[in-house]
Amino acid sequence: MRSRFCACIRIGGQVEQTEVEPLLLTIRAAGVSCEWGDAPFEPQTPQQLLDARKDGHLWLCDDQANYGEFPELETVCRKLELGYTRHSEASFDSDAELLVWRPVMTKPLARVGSNVNSKDTYVPTEAVRTVLRFLETGHIDKALRALRDLSPDIPELPPLEIV
């Protein structure tokens, strides 16, 4: 049985005109929309991608995404070196998730996210306790490393551009 729940993805970065076709094909195959409840977005041209941008990014959603993911679309984005942020809402058997990938990363970073908004992430209580123990025992370097691991610096998502 498949779990289907709401998910959205913001895509940004530069893609060459000659390499945009796989992105167009994958978006059409994914059945994603530009607004919740809208018809699937089926871009045929690079200009249609640009026209669909919101605040400079391509924002796509699906209220019935399999496990709240877009595996083929995320793979194409990584191959084209387009950064993205995916937010998947919680379901009865999984937490909300915020997944981020930028071209400087070796793999996507997934964190437990808010079900209310697509920007907040949550830090596990035990991880905070570990940092506190490091601080209480004078292991400042270990505490700083652990905090950086919990909240890594992630580059801003650039606008989507076709060059």
Foldseek 3Di string as FASTA:
>chain_A
DWAWAKKKKWKFDEFAQVLCVLLLVLQQVQQWDLDPPDGRDRDDHPVSQCVSDDPQINMTMDGGDGVRDSVSNVVSCQVRQIWMWMWTPDDPPGAIWIWTDGNVDPDIDIFGADNVDRPGGDDDPVLVVVLVVCVVVVVPVVSVVSVCVRPPDDDDRHGHDHD
